[in-house]
């Protein structure tokens, strides 16, 4: 009777010791985004959607709105979350390293950063119906303050509507602002 109890106790102790070390899986939730660029490239769910002229790679993994809502601000995946109408994880890779776009020193030149930002904005605009509708309205005269076209900059009004601050825009009757 003592032998099985000893074996179970010893097995439990070894498991706790082995799994609780740094890098062990016990008690440490793994994120959706793996820690290395090589792993990103090897996972079929991460699609290489764009490579900039300077060699920056943009990997995208589509996720459901439910998964997006489950990614908390303190999650390692939060910095990759693009929470739009159709949420996705955007992982930027350069020189075989994952780039942290939330860092002060992201490791990209200004030009490279602008290339990534332009592509990301174009992706968002092409896939987000709400964004497309806002852009259509921005080009129309629908956003005149008092029904008179041209009293407010349509772009300024559209941006205000998009961020929920349309009641804070003051339009003057002096033409476009």
Foldseek 3Di string as FASTA:
>chain_A
DVVVVVVVVVVVVVCCVVQVDVPHDPPDDDDPDDQWLVVLVVDPQWDFPDADPVGKTKTKHWDQLVVLVVQDPPHPQVQQWDDAPGIIGIWIDDPRHTFRPVDPCRPDDPVVVVRVVVVVVVVRCVPHPVNVVLVVQLPDQVQQPVPDGFQENSVVQSVCVVVVNNVVDDTDNPGYD
